Amino acid sequence: MNTEFFIARRIAFQGQKSFSKIIVRIAILAIALGLAVMIVSMSIITGFNQKISEKIFGFWGHIHVTDIHITRSYDYQAIEYSSSLVDSIMGIEGIEPVDNDGLRSQYQNRDLISNGGIRQVHSFAFLPGIIQSKSELEGIMLKGINRDFDWKQLEEFIIKGDSIVWNDSIASRSIIVSQRTSQRLKVDVGDKLIVQFVQGRDTKKRAFTIAGIYKTGLEEYDVKFAMCDIRVLQDLLDWEPNEVAGYEIFLDNVDDMDLYADYIYAEMLPRNQFAETIKDKFPNIFDWLDLQKINEYIILFLMILVSVINMTTVILIIILERSRMIGVLKALGYNHWSIRKIFVYLAFWITGFGVFLGNVLGLGFCFLQDKFEFIKLDEVNYYVATAPIQIEFWPILLLNIGTILIIVFFMLLPSYLVSHIKPVKVLRFD
């Protein structure tokens, strides 16, 4: 039998009532609360990143291919729609490492392997306008899409009505507006709208019928954008039917954005076009999400630091309280390392039970929030109405293992106090 392990277990859970027993229970509770906070923080921040990223990618795709002279004001130059290019992009099943030197210098990820392929490619166009209802005016940016648009990307955001009603021969006059726009204009599904477009010195008007109302929760998008048939915008811009502003590319795996953007630009596009990831195109929100990850790391560091300090205090108190036991063991011939192992095992027992209880509390809270959504948020500031939860198995497992190893490792230092306890001093009063 491992004597040191047996003694540690007796001290932790089977001994008589003492001050150290109370301290042990407080330590277990402190570790549990700290780990629960870490699990909840990690799950909420991961949920934020996933939920908001899904909204952005669902609205924009992962990669945009446009004319190389595009400006940030959505002043797109027309490019010729190429069905062969779209078919070629859709035909990419994956990217393997390459070792030839025939690629353009911009392709920097030649040694990487993709995690998935291309899910969808479709064309788009943009044109600013002014929406006029019976009583209100509203500035808007119309996004023109084709009937091959994958509505699965946006169907979760459609809160009322349906998608655009398509016509084969003529451009559809259906429009999808945001809930914010519909409220400000005091209109609903089925209502008529007039949209005015300023083209040089001329003003053109087009009538639309609201087919659906969407809400992403992203204020920047909900205030600005509406969606319609791309053929309406082509007509207003005097573009040919085969001219578009660009292509939106949807990927199977979001981690492949940079890899595919570089590859498509280097291998497939003509010289007057370029590919750009949505993270590069709209960096503000993604920078904000990266800041949340920094907050997560700070919380993890602080919680582990508190747990280490707490356990150090507990071990020191138990060593001082058990000084007589240490003196007896030394008198019986136990060396310093054997006695130190008792307190290292004790730290392991306390940490293990604290981690188990912390998982119950943390995961239980996450499951309840995911089911009942009782934590509400200001959607204007946080882009979501409730705190999103995303539980990932491997990060939480590594968090558990790391917490145990770090705390037990740092317990080696206070256990050195054992070597300073002299049997003759602690036993002479008995």
Protein backbone atom coordinates (compact mmCIF):
# COMPACT_ATOMS: atom_id res chain seq x y z
CA MET A 1 0.00 0.00 0.00
CA ASN A 2 1.15 3.56 -0.73
CA THR A 3 1.40 4.85 2.84
CA GLU A 4 1.78 8.49 1.91
CA PHE A 5 -1.31 8.37 -0.29
CA PHE A 6 -3.31 6.65 2.46
CA ILE A 7 -2.32 9.27 5.06
CA ALA A 8 -3.16 12.13 2.68
CA ARG A 9 -6.62 10.70 2.06
CA ARG A 10 -7.23 10.29 5.79
CA ILE A 11 -6.21 13.91 6.43
CA ALA A 12 -8.43 15.24 3.68
CA PHE A 13 -11.65 13.31 4.23
CA GLN A 14 -11.64 10.92 7.18
CA GLY A 15 -10.02 12.74 10.02
CA GLN A 16 -11.72 14.18 13.09
CA LYS A 17 -13.16 17.67 13.07
CA SER A 18 -10.43 20.29 13.17
CA PHE A 19 -9.57 23.71 11.85
CA SER A 20 -7.75 22.13 8.91
CA LYS A 21 -10.89 20.23 7.90
CA ILE A 22 -12.75 23.51 7.56
CA ILE A 23 -9.86 24.97 5.57
CA VAL A 24 -9.85 21.93 3.26
CA ARG A 25 -13.54 22.34 2.51
CA ILE A 26 -13.11 26.05 1.86
CA ALA A 27 -10.22 25.23 -0.49
CA ILE A 28 -12.35 22.71 -2.40
CA LEU A 29 -15.14 25.25 -2.74
CA ALA A 30 -12.72 27.99 -3.85
CA ILE A 31 -11.19 25.76 -6.55
CA ALA A 32 -14.67 24.70 -7.67
CA LEU A 33 -15.89 28.27 -7.99
CA GLY A 34 -12.71 29.33 -9.79
CA LEU A 35 -12.95 26.49 -12.31
CA ALA A 36 -16.68 27.10 -12.79
CA VAL A 37 -15.96 30.75 -13.60
CA MET A 38 -13.28 29.68 -16.09
CA ILE A 39 -15.60 27.17 -17.80
CA VAL A 40 -18.47 29.66 -18.03
CA SER A 41 -16.16 32.43 -19.29
CA MET A 42 -14.60 30.17 -21.91
CA SER A 43 -17.99 28.87 -23.09
CA ILE A 44 -19.58 32.33 -23.31
CA ILE A 45 -16.64 33.94 -25.12
CA THR A 46 -16.40 30.99 -27.53
CA GLY A 47 -20.16 31.30 -28.04
CA PHE A 48 -19.80 35.02 -28.76
CA ASN A 49 -17.12 34.40 -31.35
CA GLN A 50 -19.06 31.65 -33.07
CA LYS A 51 -22.47 33.34 -33.02
CA ILE A 52 -21.30 36.73 -34.24
CA SER A 53 -18.98 35.20 -36.83
CA GLU A 54 -21.86 33.09 -38.15
CA LYS A 55 -23.97 36.22 -38.54
CA ILE A 56 -21.26 38.07 -40.43
CA PHE A 57 -20.36 35.13 -42.67
CA GLY A 58 -24.01 34.33 -43.28
CA PHE A 59 -24.54 37.87 -44.55
CA TRP A 60 -21.28 38.32 -46.47
CA GLY A 61 -19.71 34.92 -47.11
CA HIS A 62 -16.09 34.19 -46.25
CA ILE A 63 -14.23 35.60 -49.27
CA HIS A 64 -15.08 38.40 -51.73
CA VAL A 65 -13.75 38.49 -55.28
CA THR A 66 -14.05 41.97 -56.82
CA ASP A 67 -12.37 44.35 -59.20
CA ILE A 68 -8.96 45.40 -57.97
CA HIS A 69 -9.98 49.09 -57.89
CA ILE A 70 -12.74 48.66 -55.32
CA THR A 71 -13.08 51.40 -52.68
CA ARG A 72 -14.35 51.12 -49.13
CA SER A 73 -17.48 53.14 -50.01
CA TYR A 74 -19.06 50.22 -51.93
CA ASP A 75 -18.22 51.95 -55.21
CA TYR A 76 -17.70 48.69 -57.07
CA GLN A 77 -16.41 48.47 -60.63
CA ALA A 78 -18.24 46.01 -62.85
CA ILE A 79 -16.54 42.74 -63.69
CA GLU A 80 -17.71 40.19 -66.21
CA TYR A 81 -19.51 37.24 -64.70
CA SER A 82 -17.63 34.09 -65.66
CA SER A 83 -19.49 30.81 -65.26
CA SER A 84 -16.26 28.94 -66.00
CA LEU A 85 -14.50 30.76 -63.13
CA VAL A 86 -17.40 30.01 -60.78
CA ASP A 87 -17.34 26.35 -61.82
CA SER A 88 -13.58 26.21 -61.30
CA ILE A 89 -13.87 27.69 -57.81
CA MET A 90 -16.74 25.37 -56.94
CA GLY A 91 -14.64 22.46 -58.20
CA ILE A 92 -11.94 23.02 -55.61
CA GLU A 93 -12.25 20.05 -53.26
CA GLY A 94 -9.29 21.01 -51.14
CA ILE A 95 -5.81 22.50 -51.19
CA GLU A 96 -2.67 20.40 -50.89
CA PRO A 97 0.88 21.68 -50.28
CA VAL A 98 2.73 22.70 -53.45
CA ASP A 99 6.45 22.81 -54.09
CA ASN A 100 6.61 24.40 -57.53
CA ASP A 101 7.66 28.02 -58.07
CA GLY A 102 5.11 28.84 -60.76
CA LEU A 103 2.65 30.57 -58.43
CA ARG A 104 2.37 34.30 -57.91
CA SER A 105 4.38 35.68 -55.02
CA GLN A 106 1.16 36.63 -53.17
CA TYR A 107 0.39 32.96 -52.47
CA GLN A 108 2.07 32.71 -49.07
CA ASN A 109 0.36 29.57 -47.72
CA ARG A 110 1.71 27.03 -50.17
CA ASP A 111 2.73 24.60 -47.38
CA LEU A 112 -0.72 24.46 -45.73
CA ILE A 113 -3.55 21.97 -46.18
CA SER A 114 -7.20 23.02 -46.21
CA ASN A 115 -9.72 21.59 -43.76
CA GLY A 116 -12.62 21.66 -46.22
CA GLY A 117 -13.75 22.81 -49.63
CA ILE A 118 -15.95 25.43 -51.28
CA ARG A 119 -19.63 25.31 -50.31
CA GLN A 120 -21.17 28.09 -52.42
CA VAL A 121 -20.27 30.86 -54.88
CA HIS A 122 -22.69 33.54 -56.06
CA SER A 123 -22.54 37.03 -57.54
CA PHE A 124 -23.65 40.32 -55.96
CA ALA A 125 -23.92 44.05 -56.57
CA PHE A 126 -24.43 47.15 -54.39
CA LEU A 127 -26.15 50.47 -54.94
CA PRO A 128 -27.11 53.17 -52.40
CA GLY A 129 -30.63 54.58 -52.44
CA ILE A 130 -33.33 56.31 -50.42
CA ILE A 131 -36.38 54.32 -49.36
CA GLN A 132 -39.63 56.26 -49.32
CA SER A 133 -42.75 54.99 -47.57
CA LYS A 134 -46.01 56.86 -47.12
CA SER A 135 -44.66 58.95 -44.27
CA GLU A 136 -40.91 58.39 -43.88
CA LEU A 137 -37.57 58.43 -45.73
CA GLU A 138 -34.61 56.19 -45.01
CA GLY A 139 -31.14 55.90 -46.55
CA ILE A 140 -30.32 52.35 -47.57
CA MET A 141 -27.69 50.25 -49.31
CA LEU A 142 -29.31 47.74 -51.66
CA LYS A 143 -27.51 44.44 -52.06
CA GLY A 144 -28.42 42.67 -55.28
CA ILE A 145 -28.34 38.87 -55.30
CA ASN A 146 -29.12 36.12 -57.80
CA ARG A 147 -31.71 33.38 -57.47
CA ASP A 148 -28.88 30.91 -56.85
CA PHE A 149 -28.20 32.64 -53.52
CA ASP A 150 -28.04 30.06 -50.72
CA TRP A 151 -30.87 31.14 -48.42
CA LYS A 152 -29.77 28.68 -45.76
CA GLN A 153 -27.18 31.28 -44.84
CA LEU A 154 -29.85 33.83 -43.94
CA GLU A 155 -33.04 31.90 -43.18
CA GLU A 156 -32.40 31.99 -39.42
CA PHE A 157 -32.36 35.81 -39.62
CA ILE A 158 -35.68 36.11 -41.49
CA ILE A 159 -38.15 36.88 -38.70
CA LYS A 160 -41.17 37.61 -40.89
CA GLY A 161 -42.18 36.85 -44.47
CA ASP A 162 -40.05 34.87 -46.88
CA SER A 163 -37.28 35.15 -49.45
CA ILE A 164 -37.41 37.14 -52.68
CA VAL A 165 -40.07 36.04 -55.18
CA TRP A 166 -38.12 35.36 -58.38
CA ASN A 167 -39.29 35.86 -61.95
CA ASP A 168 -37.66 34.15 -64.91
CA SER A 169 -38.16 36.80 -67.56
CA ILE A 170 -38.08 40.09 -65.67
CA ALA A 171 -36.41 41.40 -62.56
CA SER A 172 -38.24 40.70 -59.32
CA ARG A 173 -39.50 43.74 -57.41
CA SER A 174 -39.39 41.95 -54.06
CA ILE A 175 -37.20 43.41 -51.34
CA ILE A 176 -36.05 42.22 -47.92
CA VAL A 177 -35.50 44.93 -45.32
CA SER A 178 -34.30 44.78 -41.74
CA GLN A 179 -36.58 44.96 -38.74
CA ARG A 180 -34.94 48.25 -37.81
CA THR A 181 -35.76 49.72 -41.22
CA SER A 182 -39.36 48.42 -41.17
CA GLN A 183 -39.94 49.95 -37.74
CA ARG A 184 -38.54 53.34 -38.69
CA LEU A 185 -40.52 53.42 -41.94
CA LYS A 186 -43.60 51.92 -40.28
CA VAL A 187 -44.03 49.24 -42.93
CA ASP A 188 -44.58 45.48 -42.90
CA VAL A 189 -44.50 42.45 -45.19
CA GLY A 190 -46.60 43.07 -48.30
CA ASP A 191 -46.30 46.87 -48.15
CA LYS A 192 -45.09 48.91 -51.13
CA LEU A 193 -41.94 51.01 -51.11
CA ILE A 194 -40.41 53.50 -53.51
CA VAL A 195 -36.60 53.55 -53.67
CA GLN A 196 -34.90 56.55 -55.26
CA PHE A 197 -31.44 56.28 -56.81
CA VAL A 198 -29.26 59.25 -57.68
CA GLN A 199 -27.31 58.59 -60.88
CA GLY A 200 -25.26 61.65 -61.75
CA ARG A 201 -27.76 64.48 -62.19
CA ASP A 202 -30.69 62.12 -62.63
CA THR A 203 -32.89 60.51 -60.02
CA LYS A 204 -34.40 57.13 -60.80
CA LYS A 205 -37.22 55.48 -58.90
CA ARG A 206 -38.16 51.84 -58.51
CA ALA A 207 -41.15 50.35 -56.72
CA PHE A 208 -40.67 47.31 -54.47
CA THR A 209 -42.87 45.05 -52.35
CA ILE A 210 -41.57 43.87 -48.99
CA ALA A 211 -41.21 40.08 -49.18
CA GLY A 212 -39.47 39.56 -45.85
CA ILE A 213 -37.99 41.23 -42.78
CA TYR A 214 -34.65 40.16 -41.31
CA LYS A 215 -32.78 40.80 -38.10
CA THR A 216 -29.13 39.88 -37.59
CA GLY A 217 -28.62 41.83 -34.38
CA LEU A 218 -25.60 43.51 -35.99
CA GLU A 219 -26.62 47.16 -35.84
CA GLU A 220 -24.21 48.21 -38.57
CA TYR A 221 -25.89 45.85 -41.04
CA ASP A 222 -29.48 46.15 -39.88
CA VAL A 223 -29.43 49.92 -40.26
CA LYS A 224 -27.81 49.99 -43.70
CA PHE A 225 -28.75 47.05 -45.88
CA ALA A 226 -31.68 45.65 -47.82
CA MET A 227 -31.64 42.85 -50.42
CA CYS A 228 -33.22 42.68 -53.86
CA ASP A 229 -32.88 41.08 -57.29
CA ILE A 230 -29.47 41.89 -58.77
CA ARG A 231 -31.09 42.55 -62.17
CA VAL A 232 -32.71 45.71 -60.77
CA LEU A 233 -29.31 47.13 -59.85
CA GLN A 234 -27.75 46.07 -63.15
CA ASP A 235 -30.44 48.04 -64.96
CA LEU A 236 -29.96 51.11 -62.79
CA LEU A 237 -26.18 51.00 -63.20
CA ASP A 238 -26.46 50.48 -66.97
CA TRP A 239 -24.55 47.22 -66.66
CA GLU A 240 -24.89 44.32 -69.02
CA PRO A 241 -26.71 41.20 -67.73
CA ASN A 242 -23.37 39.44 -67.37
CA GLU A 243 -21.76 42.23 -65.32
CA VAL A 244 -21.62 42.04 -61.52
CA ALA A 245 -19.77 43.70 -58.66
CA GLY A 246 -18.14 40.47 -57.53
CA TYR A 247 -18.51 37.01 -56.08
CA GLU A 248 -19.19 35.89 -52.53
CA ILE A 249 -17.53 32.59 -51.63
CA PHE A 250 -18.74 30.41 -48.76
CA LEU A 251 -16.34 27.82 -47.32
CA ASP A 252 -16.87 24.59 -45.42
CA ASN A 253 -14.38 25.63 -42.74
CA VAL A 254 -13.86 29.20 -41.58
CA ASP A 255 -10.22 28.47 -40.71
CA ASP A 256 -9.47 28.15 -44.44
CA MET A 257 -10.25 31.78 -45.30
CA ASP A 258 -6.70 33.07 -45.67
CA LEU A 259 -5.56 29.90 -47.42
CA TYR A 260 -8.34 29.96 -50.04
CA ALA A 261 -8.14 33.73 -50.53
CA ASP A 262 -4.43 33.47 -51.35
CA TYR A 263 -4.89 30.39 -53.50
CA ILE A 264 -7.82 31.73 -55.55
CA TYR A 265 -6.08 35.05 -56.14
CA ALA A 266 -2.78 33.43 -57.11
CA GLU A 267 -4.08 30.56 -59.20
CA MET A 268 -7.47 31.42 -60.66
CA LEU A 269 -8.29 35.12 -60.98
CA PRO A 270 -7.44 37.46 -63.88
CA ARG A 271 -5.08 40.33 -63.16
CA ASN A 272 -7.84 42.90 -62.70
CA GLN A 273 -9.52 40.98 -59.85
CA PHE A 274 -8.48 40.12 -56.33
CA ALA A 275 -9.75 38.03 -53.42
CA GLU A 276 -10.16 39.37 -49.88
CA THR A 277 -11.33 37.68 -46.69
CA ILE A 278 -14.22 39.18 -44.78
CA LYS A 279 -11.97 39.57 -41.75
CA ASP A 280 -9.75 41.88 -43.81
CA LYS A 281 -12.71 43.64 -45.40
CA PHE A 282 -14.55 44.38 -42.13
CA PRO A 283 -11.89 44.21 -39.39
CA ASN A 284 -13.67 46.21 -36.67
CA ILE A 285 -15.96 43.49 -35.34
CA PHE A 286 -13.26 40.82 -35.58
CA ASP A 287 -10.83 43.05 -33.68
CA TRP A 288 -13.51 43.38 -30.99
CA LEU A 289 -13.87 39.59 -30.87
CA ASP A 290 -10.09 39.23 -30.50
CA LEU A 291 -10.24 41.55 -27.50
CA GLN A 292 -12.77 39.20 -25.91
CA LYS A 293 -10.24 36.37 -26.25
CA ILE A 294 -7.71 38.50 -24.37
CA ASN A 295 -10.29 38.95 -21.61
CA GLU A 296 -10.70 35.17 -21.52
CA TYR A 297 -6.96 34.65 -21.04
CA ILE A 298 -6.88 37.25 -18.25
CA ILE A 299 -9.77 35.54 -16.44
CA LEU A 300 -8.12 32.12 -16.74
CA PHE A 301 -4.81 33.47 -15.43
CA LEU A 302 -6.42 35.26 -12.48
CA MET A 303 -8.57 32.28 -11.47
CA ILE A 304 -5.63 29.86 -11.58
CA LEU A 305 -3.47 32.36 -9.66
CA VAL A 306 -6.14 32.67 -6.96
CA SER A 307 -6.42 28.88 -6.77
CA VAL A 308 -2.64 28.48 -6.40
CA ILE A 309 -2.48 31.12 -3.63
CA ASN A 310 -5.46 29.54 -1.90
CA MET A 311 -3.95 26.05 -2.00
CA THR A 312 -0.56 27.32 -0.84
CA THR A 313 -2.21 28.86 2.22
CA VAL A 314 -4.16 25.66 2.92
CA ILE A 315 -1.10 23.41 2.68
CA LEU A 316 0.90 25.71 4.98
CA ILE A 317 -1.90 25.69 7.57
CA ILE A 318 -2.24 21.89 7.42
CA ILE A 319 1.54 21.40 7.73
CA LEU A 320 1.65 23.61 10.81
CA GLU A 321 -1.37 21.88 12.33
CA ARG A 322 0.06 18.45 11.58
CA SER A 323 3.54 19.26 12.86
CA ARG A 324 3.21 16.60 15.60
CA MET A 325 2.35 13.97 13.00
CA ILE A 326 5.35 15.06 10.95
CA GLY A 327 7.59 14.77 14.00
CA VAL A 328 6.32 11.23 14.71
CA LEU A 329 6.87 10.16 11.10
CA LYS A 330 10.41 11.54 11.18
CA ALA A 331 11.06 9.73 14.44
CA LEU A 332 9.87 6.51 12.76
CA GLY A 333 12.41 6.98 9.98
CA TYR A 334 10.46 8.67 7.19
CA ASN A 335 12.63 10.95 5.06
CA HIS A 336 11.69 14.48 4.03
CA TRP A 337 10.53 13.54 0.52
CA SER A 338 8.20 10.81 1.79
CA ILE A 339 6.55 13.25 4.19
CA ARG A 340 6.37 15.94 1.52
CA LYS A 341 4.59 13.48 -0.76
CA ILE A 342 1.80 13.25 1.80
CA PHE A 343 1.02 16.93 1.35
CA VAL A 344 1.46 16.81 -2.43
CA TYR A 345 -1.05 13.94 -2.52
CA LEU A 346 -3.28 15.97 -0.22
CA ALA A 347 -3.13 18.87 -2.67
CA PHE A 348 -4.03 16.44 -5.45
CA TRP A 349 -7.05 15.15 -3.52
CA ILE A 350 -8.30 18.64 -2.69
CA THR A 351 -7.74 19.90 -6.24
CA GLY A 352 -9.36 16.80 -7.77
CA PHE A 353 -12.54 17.17 -5.74
CA GLY A 354 -12.60 20.92 -6.37
CA VAL A 355 -12.23 20.34 -10.11
CA PHE A 356 -15.02 17.75 -10.10
CA LEU A 357 -17.37 20.10 -8.26
CA GLY A 358 -16.30 23.01 -10.51
CA ASN A 359 -17.23 21.02 -13.62
CA VAL A 360 -20.63 20.22 -12.15
CA LEU A 361 -21.27 23.89 -11.35
CA GLY A 362 -19.76 25.35 -14.53
CA LEU A 363 -21.21 22.90 -17.05
CA GLY A 364 -24.55 22.87 -15.21
CA PHE A 365 -24.75 26.66 -15.46
CA CYS A 366 -23.84 26.53 -19.17
CA PHE A 367 -26.51 23.92 -19.93
CA LEU A 368 -29.14 25.95 -18.08
CA GLN A 369 -28.17 29.16 -19.91
CA ASP A 370 -28.19 27.37 -23.25
CA LYS A 371 -31.68 25.97 -22.59
CA PHE A 372 -33.43 28.81 -20.78
CA GLU A 373 -31.36 31.86 -21.88
CA PHE A 374 -31.92 33.69 -18.59
CA ILE A 375 -28.91 36.02 -19.07
CA LYS A 376 -30.16 38.82 -21.33
CA LEU A 377 -27.92 41.29 -23.12
CA ASP A 378 -28.30 44.62 -24.88
CA GLU A 379 -28.28 43.53 -28.52
CA VAL A 380 -27.27 46.99 -29.73
CA ASN A 381 -23.97 46.77 -27.83
CA TYR A 382 -23.29 43.02 -27.81
CA TYR A 383 -24.87 41.95 -31.15
CA VAL A 384 -26.80 39.14 -29.44
CA ALA A 385 -29.92 39.22 -27.25
CA THR A 386 -28.76 36.52 -24.80
CA ALA A 387 -25.37 35.26 -23.68
CA PRO A 388 -24.49 32.50 -26.20
CA ILE A 389 -22.97 29.25 -24.97
CA GLN A 390 -20.58 27.04 -26.92
CA ILE A 391 -19.19 24.10 -24.93
CA GLU A 392 -16.08 22.56 -26.51
CA PHE A 393 -14.87 19.26 -25.10
CA TRP A 394 -11.12 19.45 -25.69
CA PRO A 395 -10.50 22.99 -24.38
CA ILE A 396 -12.44 22.19 -21.20
CA LEU A 397 -10.59 18.89 -20.77
CA LEU A 398 -7.25 20.67 -21.18
CA LEU A 399 -8.41 23.34 -18.72
CA ASN A 400 -9.16 20.64 -16.14
CA ILE A 401 -5.86 18.85 -16.62
CA GLY A 402 -3.90 22.10 -16.65
CA THR A 403 -5.57 23.35 -13.47
CA ILE A 404 -4.74 20.15 -11.59
CA LEU A 405 -1.13 20.00 -12.81
CA ILE A 406 -0.39 23.68 -12.14
CA ILE A 407 -1.82 23.65 -8.62
CA VAL A 408 -0.13 20.37 -7.63
CA PHE A 409 3.19 21.54 -9.12
CA PHE A 410 3.16 24.76 -7.12
CA MET A 411 2.41 22.79 -3.96
CA LEU A 412 5.96 21.42 -4.03
CA LEU A 413 7.25 24.75 -2.72
CA PRO A 414 5.24 25.01 0.55
CA SER A 415 5.89 21.32 1.20
CA TYR A 416 9.56 22.26 1.77
CA LEU A 417 8.42 23.52 5.18
CA VAL A 418 8.43 19.86 6.28
CA SER A 419 12.24 19.80 6.31
CA HIS A 420 12.32 22.60 8.92
CA ILE A 421 10.18 20.77 11.47
CA LYS A 422 12.36 19.10 14.16
CA PRO A 423 10.93 16.05 15.93
CA VAL A 424 12.57 16.96 19.25
CA LYS A 425 10.79 20.34 19.29
CA VAL A 426 7.29 19.20 18.32
CA LEU A 427 7.25 16.06 20.54
CA ARG A 428 8.86 17.29 23.74
CA PHE A 429 5.61 18.77 25.06
CA ASP A 430 3.63 15.48 24.77
